[in-house]
Amino acid sequence: MWVAAFVLRTHSHRRIAECLEPYGLRTEKAATRTFPQRRFTSRQEPRYAIDAVTAAGEDPQPRETHAYFHTTPYLSRSAADAAEAPLVTLVQAF
């Protein structure tokens, strides 16, 4: 079983990953690629997004600073599946 999630960079995926561990699923973060989720719809959203992403230790440049929320892909699967098909290879296909 594989579980894929596209998580807003303003949020943490840690608790979900921890819940999947007892099922033998190891979670990997595709740190080199993000995907635009939607444009900001208010004047407050850019500041919130930039502050939240920065607080999480990530760089909002050039993603959230260009009027979009962005997501980071996470993939949870067995260690054997991860070894057979590295996440970096899968993400490059997008």
PDB file of N, CA and C in Angstrom:
ATOM      1  N   MET A   1       0.842  -1.166   0.000  1.00  0.00           N
ATOM      2  CA  MET A   1       0.000   0.000   0.000  1.00  0.00           C
ATOM      3  C   MET A   1       0.892   1.235   0.000  1.00  0.00           C
ATOM      4  N   TRP A   2       0.509   2.220  -0.806  1.00  0.00           N
ATOM      5  CA  TRP A   2       1.169   3.522  -0.826  1.00  0.00           C
ATOM      6  C   TRP A   2       0.144   4.583  -0.454  1.00  0.00           C
ATOM      7  N   VAL A   3       0.596   5.579   0.284  1.00  0.00           N
ATOM      8  CA  VAL A   3      -0.246   6.721   0.628  1.00  0.00           C
ATOM      9  C   VAL A   3       0.490   7.974   0.164  1.00  0.00           C
ATOM     10  N   ALA A   4      -0.117   8.707  -0.753  1.00  0.00           N
ATOM     11  CA  ALA A   4       0.466   9.952  -1.244  1.00  0.00           C
ATOM     12  C   ALA A   4      -0.334  11.126  -0.700  1.00  0.00           C
ATOM     13  N   ALA A   5       0.374  12.179  -0.337  1.00  0.00           N
ATOM     14  CA  ALA A   5      -0.287  13.381   0.176  1.00  0.00           C
ATOM     15  C   ALA A   5       0.443  14.610  -0.352  1.00  0.00           C
ATOM     16  N   PHE A   6      -0.331  15.592  -0.765  1.00  0.00           N
ATOM     17  CA  PHE A   6       0.214  16.887  -1.155  1.00  0.00           C
ATOM     18  C   PHE A   6      -0.191  17.853  -0.048  1.00  0.00           C
ATOM     19  N   VAL A   7       0.783  18.222   0.782  1.00  0.00           N
ATOM     20  CA  VAL A   7       0.526  18.964   2.010  1.00  0.00           C
ATOM     21  C   VAL A   7       0.924  20.429   1.828  1.00  0.00           C
ATOM     22  N   LEU A   8       0.019  21.326   2.198  1.00  0.00           N
ATOM     23  CA  LEU A   8       0.375  22.745   2.170  1.00  0.00           C
ATOM     24  C   LEU A   8       1.644  22.961   2.980  1.00  0.00           C
ATOM     25  N   ARG A   9       2.539  23.768   2.448  1.00  0.00           N
ATOM     26  CA  ARG A   9       3.808  24.037   3.132  1.00  0.00           C
ATOM     27  C   ARG A   9       3.608  24.807   4.429  1.00  0.00           C
ATOM     28  N   THR A  10       2.412  25.303   4.679  1.00  0.00           N
ATOM     29  CA  THR A  10       2.091  25.992   5.921  1.00  0.00           C
ATOM     30  C   THR A  10       1.738  25.024   7.043  1.00  0.00           C
ATOM     31  N   HIS A  11       1.692  23.728   6.747  1.00  0.00           N
ATOM     32  CA  HIS A  11       1.307  22.711   7.725  1.00  0.00           C
ATOM     33  C   HIS A  11       2.359  21.603   7.805  1.00  0.00           C
ATOM     34  N   SER A  12       2.305  20.866   8.888  1.00  0.00           N
ATOM     35  CA  SER A  12       3.207  19.738   9.091  1.00  0.00           C
ATOM     36  C   SER A  12       2.505  18.421   8.739  1.00  0.00           C
ATOM     37  N   HIS A  13       3.258  17.505   8.196  1.00  0.00           N
ATOM     38  CA  HIS A  13       2.737  16.168   7.877  1.00  0.00           C
ATOM     39  C   HIS A  13       3.215  15.133   8.908  1.00  0.00           C
ATOM     40  N   ARG A  14       3.958  15.602   9.903  1.00  0.00           N
ATOM     41  CA  ARG A  14       4.589  14.715  10.878  1.00  0.00           C
ATOM     42  C   ARG A  14       3.610  13.785  11.581  1.00  0.00           C
ATOM     43  N   ARG A  15       2.487  14.309  12.068  1.00  0.00           N
ATOM     44  CA  ARG A  15       1.547  13.461  12.827  1.00  0.00           C
ATOM     45  C   ARG A  15       0.926  12.382  11.948  1.00  0.00           C
ATOM     46  N   ILE A  16       0.640  12.701  10.704  1.00  0.00           N
ATOM     47  CA  ILE A  16       0.096  11.696   9.782  1.00  0.00           C
ATOM     48  C   ILE A  16       1.143  10.609   9.542  1.00  0.00           C
ATOM     49  N   ALA A  17       2.378  11.031   9.299  1.00  0.00           N
ATOM     50  CA  ALA A  17       3.464  10.065   9.070  1.00  0.00           C
ATOM     51  C   ALA A  17       3.621   9.138  10.282  1.00  0.00           C
ATOM     52  N   GLU A  18       3.539   9.698  11.477  1.00  0.00           N
ATOM     53  CA  GLU A  18       3.653   8.886  12.693  1.00  0.00           C
ATOM     54  C   GLU A  18       2.516   7.869  12.790  1.00  0.00           C
ATOM     55  N   CYS A  19       1.319   8.241  12.360  1.00  0.00           N
ATOM     56  CA  CYS A  19       0.171   7.321  12.395  1.00  0.00           C
ATOM     57  C   CYS A  19       0.339   6.168  11.409  1.00  0.00           C
ATOM     58  N   LEU A  20       1.061   6.397  10.330  1.00  0.00           N
ATOM     59  CA  LEU A  20       1.248   5.364   9.316  1.00  0.00           C
ATOM     60  C   LEU A  20       2.383   4.389   9.653  1.00  0.00           C
ATOM     61  N   GLU A  21       3.301   4.794  10.519  1.00  0.00           N
ATOM     62  CA  GLU A  21       4.450   3.956  10.872  1.00  0.00           C
ATOM     63  C   GLU A  21       4.071   2.571  11.391  1.00  0.00           C
ATOM     64  N   PRO A  22       3.076   2.447  12.280  1.00  0.00           N
ATOM     65  CA  PRO A  22       2.729   1.112  12.786  1.00  0.00           C
ATOM     66  C   PRO A  22       2.264   0.143  11.687  1.00  0.00           C
ATOM     67  N   TYR A  23       1.910   0.672  10.538  1.00  0.00           N
ATOM     68  CA  TYR A  23       1.478  -0.160   9.418  1.00  0.00           C
ATOM     69  C   TYR A  23       2.637  -0.489   8.474  1.00  0.00           C
ATOM     70  N   GLY A  24       3.852  -0.169   8.911  1.00  0.00           N
ATOM     71  CA  GLY A  24       5.034  -0.477   8.111  1.00  0.00           C
ATOM     72  C   GLY A  24       5.290   0.505   6.983  1.00  0.00           C
ATOM     73  N   LEU A  25       4.664   1.658   7.057  1.00  0.00           N
ATOM     74  CA  LEU A  25       4.832   2.655   5.999  1.00  0.00           C
ATOM     75  C   LEU A  25       5.816   3.733   6.445  1.00  0.00           C
ATOM     76  N   ARG A  26       6.844   3.900   5.648  1.00  0.00           N
ATOM     77  CA  ARG A  26       7.861   4.924   5.893  1.00  0.00           C
ATOM     78  C   ARG A  26       7.537   6.127   5.013  1.00  0.00           C
ATOM     79  N   THR A  27       7.537   7.312   5.594  1.00  0.00           N
ATOM     80  CA  THR A  27       7.162   8.514   4.849  1.00  0.00           C
ATOM     81  C   THR A  27       8.395   9.271   4.386  1.00  0.00           C
ATOM     82  N   GLU A  28       8.363   9.629   3.093  1.00  0.00           N
ATOM     83  CA  GLU A  28       9.422  10.428   2.493  1.00  0.00           C
ATOM     84  C   GLU A  28       8.835  11.744   2.000  1.00  0.00           C
ATOM     85  N   LYS A  29       9.637  12.780   2.093  1.00  0.00           N
ATOM     86  CA  LYS A  29       9.244  14.107   1.629  1.00  0.00           C
ATOM     87  C   LYS A  29      10.001  14.409   0.336  1.00  0.00           C
ATOM     88  N   ALA A  30       9.280  14.830  -0.679  1.00  0.00           N
ATOM     89  CA  ALA A  30       9.911  15.228  -1.940  1.00  0.00           C
ATOM     90  C   ALA A  30      10.328  16.692  -1.808  1.00  0.00           C
ATOM     91  N   ALA A  31      11.452  16.912  -1.161  1.00  0.00           N
ATOM     92  CA  ALA A  31      11.878  18.265  -0.810  1.00  0.00           C
ATOM     93  C   ALA A  31      12.275  19.119  -2.006  1.00  0.00           C
ATOM     94  N   THR A  32      12.537  18.510  -3.141  1.00  0.00           N
ATOM     95  CA  THR A  32      13.011  19.282  -4.288  1.00  0.00           C
ATOM     96  C   THR A  32      11.899  19.793  -5.184  1.00  0.00           C
ATOM     97  N   ARG A  33      10.668  19.432  -4.900  1.00  0.00           N
ATOM     98  CA  ARG A  33       9.566  19.815  -5.795  1.00  0.00           C
ATOM     99  C   ARG A  33       8.346  20.227  -4.994  1.00  0.00           C
ATOM    100  N   THR A  34       7.721  21.323  -5.388  1.00  0.00           N
ATOM    101  CA  THR A  34       6.438  21.727  -4.816  1.00  0.00           C
ATOM    102  C   THR A  34       5.460  21.938  -5.959  1.00  0.00           C
ATOM    103  N   PHE A  35       4.192  22.033  -5.596  1.00  0.00           N
ATOM    104  CA  PHE A  35       3.142  22.230  -6.589  1.00  0.00           C
ATOM    105  C   PHE A  35       2.245  23.368  -6.136  1.00  0.00           C
ATOM    106  N   PRO A  36       1.916  24.309  -7.031  1.00  0.00           N
ATOM    107  CA  PRO A  36       0.990  25.369  -6.637  1.00  0.00           C
ATOM    108  C   PRO A  36      -0.370  24.771  -6.324  1.00  0.00           C
ATOM    109  N   GLN A  37      -0.972  25.227  -5.232  1.00  0.00           N
ATOM    110  CA  GLN A  37      -2.270  24.707  -4.831  1.00  0.00           C
ATOM    111  C   GLN A  37      -3.379  25.675  -5.241  1.00  0.00           C
ATOM    112  N   ARG A  38      -3.223  26.943  -4.856  1.00  0.00           N
ATOM    113  CA  ARG A  38      -4.196  27.955  -5.279  1.00  0.00           C
ATOM    114  C   ARG A  38      -3.611  29.341  -5.026  1.00  0.00           C
ATOM    115  N   ARG A  39      -4.196  30.326  -5.698  1.00  0.00           N
ATOM    116  CA  ARG A  39      -3.797  31.717  -5.478  1.00  0.00           C
ATOM    117  C   ARG A  39      -4.295  32.195  -4.118  1.00  0.00           C
ATOM    118  N   PHE A  40      -3.617  33.165  -3.574  1.00  0.00           N
ATOM    119  CA  PHE A  40      -4.098  33.796  -2.355  1.00  0.00           C
ATOM    120  C   PHE A  40      -5.382  34.559  -2.671  1.00  0.00           C
ATOM    121  N   THR A  41      -6.309  34.565  -1.733  1.00  0.00           N
ATOM    122  CA  THR A  41      -7.600  35.212  -1.979  1.00  0.00           C
ATOM    123  C   THR A  41      -7.843  36.429  -1.090  1.00  0.00           C
ATOM    124  N   SER A  42      -6.893  36.743  -0.229  1.00  0.00           N
ATOM    125  CA  SER A  42      -7.048  37.919   0.621  1.00  0.00           C
ATOM    126  C   SER A  42      -5.683  38.563   0.834  1.00  0.00           C
ATOM    127  N   ARG A  43      -5.687  39.721   1.418  1.00  0.00           N
ATOM    128  CA  ARG A  43      -4.426  40.405   1.711  1.00  0.00           C
ATOM    129  C   ARG A  43      -3.681  39.757   2.875  1.00  0.00           C
ATOM    130  N   GLN A  44      -4.400  39.023   3.710  1.00  0.00           N
ATOM    131  CA  GLN A  44      -3.790  38.389   4.875  1.00  0.00           C
ATOM    132  C   GLN A  44      -3.071  37.086   4.525  1.00  0.00           C
ATOM    133  N   GLU A  45      -3.552  36.392   3.513  1.00  0.00           N
ATOM    134  CA  GLU A  45      -2.989  35.077   3.206  1.00  0.00           C
ATOM    135  C   GLU A  45      -1.498  35.094   2.847  1.00  0.00           C
ATOM    136  N   PRO A  46      -1.002  36.039   2.059  1.00  0.00           N
ATOM    137  CA  PRO A  46       0.436  36.011   1.762  1.00  0.00           C
ATOM    138  C   PRO A  46       1.292  36.122   3.021  1.00  0.00           C
ATOM    139  N   ARG A  47       0.943  37.022   3.921  1.00  0.00           N
ATOM    140  CA  ARG A  47       1.731  37.189   5.148  1.00  0.00           C
ATOM    141  C   ARG A  47       1.660  35.925   5.989  1.00  0.00           C
ATOM    142  N   TYR A  48       0.454  35.363   6.135  1.00  0.00           N
ATOM    143  CA  TYR A  48       0.299  34.114   6.889  1.00  0.00           C
ATOM    144  C   TYR A  48       1.163  33.013   6.288  1.00  0.00           C
ATOM    145  N   ALA A  49       1.088  32.837   4.958  1.00  0.00           N
ATOM    146  CA  ALA A  49       1.822  31.755   4.295  1.00  0.00           C
ATOM    147  C   ALA A  49       3.330  31.944   4.444  1.00  0.00           C
ATOM    148  N   ILE A  50       3.801  33.137   4.218  1.00  0.00           N
ATOM    149  CA  ILE A  50       5.242  33.402   4.329  1.00  0.00           C
ATOM    150  C   ILE A  50       5.720  33.176   5.757  1.00  0.00           C
ATOM    151  N   ASP A  51       4.965  33.664   6.727  1.00  0.00           N
ATOM    152  CA  ASP A  51       5.341  33.472   8.136  1.00  0.00           C
ATOM    153  C   ASP A  51       5.327  31.996   8.527  1.00  0.00           C
ATOM    154  N   ALA A  52       4.286  31.268   8.120  1.00  0.00           N
ATOM    155  CA  ALA A  52       4.168  29.851   8.490  1.00  0.00           C
ATOM    156  C   ALA A  52       5.256  29.006   7.834  1.00  0.00           C
ATOM    157  N   VAL A  53       5.537  29.259   6.579  1.00  0.00           N
ATOM    158  CA  VAL A  53       6.580  28.504   5.869  1.00  0.00           C
ATOM    159  C   VAL A  53       7.950  28.801   6.479  1.00  0.00           C
ATOM    160  N   THR A  54       8.200  30.051   6.785  1.00  0.00           N
ATOM    161  CA  THR A  54       9.462  30.433   7.420  1.00  0.00           C
ATOM    162  C   THR A  54       9.596  29.790   8.801  1.00  0.00           C
ATOM    163  N   ALA A  55       8.512  29.797   9.583  1.00  0.00           N
ATOM    164  CA  ALA A  55       8.527  29.178  10.913  1.00  0.00           C
ATOM    165  C   ALA A  55       8.791  27.681  10.840  1.00  0.00           C
ATOM    166  N   ALA A  56       8.397  27.055   9.737  1.00  0.00           N
ATOM    167  CA  ALA A  56       8.633  25.621   9.546  1.00  0.00           C
ATOM    168  C   ALA A  56      10.055  25.336   9.063  1.00  0.00           C
ATOM    169  N   GLY A  57      10.849  26.396   8.892  1.00  0.00           N
ATOM    170  CA  GLY A  57      12.238  26.205   8.474  1.00  0.00           C
ATOM    171  C   GLY A  57      12.424  26.107   6.972  1.00  0.00           C
ATOM    172  N   GLU A  58      11.405  26.475   6.215  1.00  0.00           N
ATOM    173  CA  GLU A  58      11.473  26.428   4.752  1.00  0.00           C
ATOM    174  C   GLU A  58      11.615  27.856   4.215  1.00  0.00           C
ATOM    175  N   ASP A  59      12.051  27.966   2.975  1.00  0.00           N
ATOM    176  CA  ASP A  59      12.219  29.253   2.323  1.00  0.00           C
ATOM    177  C   ASP A  59      10.997  29.558   1.457  1.00  0.00           C
ATOM    178  N   PRO A  60      10.284  30.663   1.720  1.00  0.00           N
ATOM    179  CA  PRO A  60       9.105  30.987   0.915  1.00  0.00           C
ATOM    180  C   PRO A  60       9.441  31.532  -0.480  1.00  0.00           C
ATOM    181  N   GLN A  61      10.718  31.826  -0.730  1.00  0.00           N
ATOM    182  CA  GLN A  61      11.145  32.334  -2.048  1.00  0.00           C
ATOM    183  C   GLN A  61      11.330  31.167  -2.999  1.00  0.00           C
ATOM    184  N   PRO A  62      10.879  31.170  -4.171  1.00  0.00           N
ATOM    185  CA  PRO A  62       9.989  32.116  -4.812  1.00  0.00           C
ATOM    186  C   PRO A  62       8.540  31.654  -4.777  1.00  0.00           C
ATOM    187  N   ARG A  63       8.231  30.673  -4.015  1.00  0.00           N
ATOM    188  CA  ARG A  63       6.901  30.051  -4.071  1.00  0.00           C
ATOM    189  C   ARG A  63       5.814  30.939  -3.487  1.00  0.00           C
ATOM    190  N   GLU A  64       5.719  30.983  -2.182  1.00  0.00           N
ATOM    191  CA  GLU A  64       4.641  31.744  -1.546  1.00  0.00           C
ATOM    192  C   GLU A  64       4.765  33.248  -1.792  1.00  0.00           C
ATOM    193  N   THR A  65       5.927  33.711  -2.150  1.00  0.00           N
ATOM    194  CA  THR A  65       6.091  35.141  -2.431  1.00  0.00           C
ATOM    195  C   THR A  65       5.542  35.518  -3.801  1.00  0.00           C
ATOM    196  N   HIS A  66       5.068  34.537  -4.567  1.00  0.00           N
ATOM    197  CA  HIS A  66       4.494  34.801  -5.884  1.00  0.00           C
ATOM    198  C   HIS A  66       2.989  34.496  -5.938  1.00  0.00           C
ATOM    199  N   ALA A  67       2.299  34.772  -4.835  1.00  0.00           N
ATOM    200  CA  ALA A  67       0.831  34.786  -4.778  1.00  0.00           C
ATOM    201  C   ALA A  67       0.147  33.426  -4.768  1.00  0.00           C
ATOM    202  N   TYR A  68       0.876  32.354  -4.440  1.00  0.00           N
ATOM    203  CA  TYR A  68       0.271  31.022  -4.401  1.00  0.00           C
ATOM    204  C   TYR A  68       0.637  30.278  -3.119  1.00  0.00           C
ATOM    205  N   PHE A  69      -0.344  29.519  -2.594  1.00  0.00           N
ATOM    206  CA  PHE A  69      -0.018  28.479  -1.632  1.00  0.00           C
ATOM    207  C   PHE A  69       0.627  27.349  -2.423  1.00  0.00           C
ATOM    208  N   HIS A  70       1.622  26.701  -1.846  1.00  0.00           N
ATOM    209  CA  HIS A  70       2.259  25.560  -2.488  1.00  0.00           C
ATOM    210  C   HIS A  70       2.153  24.333  -1.593  1.00  0.00           C
ATOM    211  N   THR A  71       2.148  23.169  -2.236  1.00  0.00           N
ATOM    212  CA  THR A  71       2.135  21.898  -1.508  1.00  0.00           C
ATOM    213  C   THR A  71       3.447  21.167  -1.730  1.00  0.00           C
ATOM    214  N   THR A  72       3.788  20.331  -0.767  1.00  0.00           N
ATOM    215  CA  THR A  72       4.946  19.450  -0.877  1.00  0.00           C
ATOM    216  C   THR A  72       4.430  18.019  -0.938  1.00  0.00           C
ATOM    217  N   PRO A  73       4.913  17.225  -1.896  1.00  0.00           N
ATOM    218  CA  PRO A  73       4.477  15.828  -1.955  1.00  0.00           C
ATOM    219  C   PRO A  73       5.162  14.975  -0.876  1.00  0.00           C
ATOM    220  N   TYR A  74       4.389  14.121  -0.255  1.00  0.00           N
ATOM    221  CA  TYR A  74       4.890  13.119   0.691  1.00  0.00           C
ATOM    222  C   TYR A  74       4.396  11.764   0.197  1.00  0.00           C
ATOM    223  N   LEU A  75       5.236  10.763   0.355  1.00  0.00           N
ATOM    224  CA  LEU A  75       4.858   9.414  -0.046  1.00  0.00           C
ATOM    225  C   LEU A  75       5.201   8.451   1.080  1.00  0.00           C
ATOM    226  N   SER A  76       4.200   7.720   1.534  1.00  0.00           N
ATOM    227  CA  SER A  76       4.376   6.722   2.592  1.00  0.00           C
ATOM    228  C   SER A  76       4.226   5.349   1.971  1.00  0.00           C
ATOM    229  N   ARG A  77       5.226   4.497   2.220  1.00  0.00           N
ATOM    230  CA  ARG A  77       5.224   3.141   1.651  1.00  0.00           C
ATOM    231  C   ARG A  77       6.257   2.303   2.371  1.00  0.00           C
ATOM    232  N   SER A  78       6.317   1.030   2.029  1.00  0.00           N
ATOM    233  CA  SER A  78       7.262   0.137   2.685  1.00  0.00           C
ATOM    234  C   SER A  78       8.696   0.493   2.285  1.00  0.00           C
ATOM    235  N   ALA A  79       9.635   0.125   3.131  1.00  0.00           N
ATOM    236  CA  ALA A  79      11.053   0.366   2.829  1.00  0.00           C
ATOM    237  C   ALA A  79      11.460  -0.362   1.558  1.00  0.00           C
ATOM    238  N   ALA A  80      10.905  -1.551   1.334  1.00  0.00           N
ATOM    239  CA  ALA A  80      11.238  -2.316   0.118  1.00  0.00           C
ATOM    240  C   ALA A  80      10.757  -1.574  -1.132  1.00  0.00           C
ATOM    241  N   ASP A  81       9.555  -1.032  -1.090  1.00  0.00           N
ATOM    242  CA  ASP A  81       9.051  -0.259  -2.233  1.00  0.00           C
ATOM    243  C   ASP A  81       9.884   0.999  -2.463  1.00  0.00           C
ATOM    244  N   ALA A  82      10.292   1.640  -1.370  1.00  0.00           N
ATOM    245  CA  ALA A  82      11.110   2.851  -1.486  1.00  0.00           C
ATOM    246  C   ALA A  82      12.463   2.542  -2.119  1.00  0.00           C
ATOM    247  N   ALA A  83      13.027   1.393  -1.770  1.00  0.00           N
ATOM    248  CA  ALA A  83      14.314   1.007  -2.350  1.00  0.00           C
ATOM    249  C   ALA A  83      14.169   0.674  -3.834  1.00  0.00           C
ATOM    250  N   GLU A  84      13.054   0.071  -4.204  1.00  0.00           N
ATOM    251  CA  GLU A  84      12.820  -0.336  -5.595  1.00  0.00           C
ATOM    252  C   GLU A  84      12.548   0.860  -6.511  1.00  0.00           C
ATOM    253  N   ALA A  85      11.837   1.860  -6.006  1.00  0.00           N
ATOM    254  CA  ALA A  85      11.478   3.033  -6.813  1.00  0.00           C
ATOM    255  C   ALA A  85      11.731   4.292  -5.982  1.00  0.00           C
ATOM    256  N   PRO A  86      12.949   4.829  -6.029  1.00  0.00           N
ATOM    257  CA  PRO A  86      13.268   6.009  -5.223  1.00  0.00           C
ATOM    258  C   PRO A  86      12.327   7.184  -5.504  1.00  0.00           C
ATOM    259  N   LEU A  87      11.977   7.896  -4.463  1.00  0.00           N
ATOM    260  CA  LEU A  87      11.037   9.007  -4.584  1.00  0.00           C
ATOM    261  C   LEU A  87      11.530  10.070  -5.559  1.00  0.00           C
ATOM    262  N   VAL A  88      12.808  10.356  -5.550  1.00  0.00           N
ATOM    263  CA  VAL A  88      13.342  11.386  -6.454  1.00  0.00           C
ATOM    264  C   VAL A  88      13.065  11.027  -7.915  1.00  0.00           C
ATOM    265  N   THR A  89      13.112   9.760  -8.242  1.00  0.00           N
ATOM    266  CA  THR A  89      12.825   9.304  -9.611  1.00  0.00           C
ATOM    267  C   THR A  89      11.340   9.511  -9.937  1.00  0.00           C
ATOM    268  N   LEU A  90      10.482   9.204  -8.985  1.00  0.00           N
ATOM    269  CA  LEU A  90       9.042   9.366  -9.213  1.00  0.00           C
ATOM    270  C   LEU A  90       8.661  10.829  -9.363  1.00  0.00           C
ATOM    271  N   VAL A  91       9.230  11.691  -8.562  1.00  0.00           N
ATOM    272  CA  VAL A  91       8.883  13.107  -8.607  1.00  0.00           C
ATOM    273  C   VAL A  91       9.377  13.749  -9.901  1.00  0.00           C
ATOM    274  N   GLN A  92      10.480  13.307 -10.430  1.00  0.00           N
ATOM    275  CA  GLN A  92      11.002  13.848 -11.679  1.00  0.00           C
ATOM    276  C   GLN A  92      10.049  13.595 -12.831  1.00  0.00           C
ATOM    277  N   ALA A  93       9.195  12.600 -12.712  1.00  0.00           N
ATOM    278  CA  ALA A  93       8.248  12.273 -13.775  1.00  0.00           C
ATOM    279  C   ALA A  93       7.149  13.322 -13.901  1.00  0.00           C
ATOM    280  N   PHE A  94       6.967  14.125 -12.845  1.00  0.00           N
ATOM    281  CA  PHE A  94       5.920  15.156 -12.883  1.00  0.00           C
ATOM    282  C   PHE A  94       6.435  16.342 -13.630  1.00  0.00           C
TER     283      PHE A  94
END
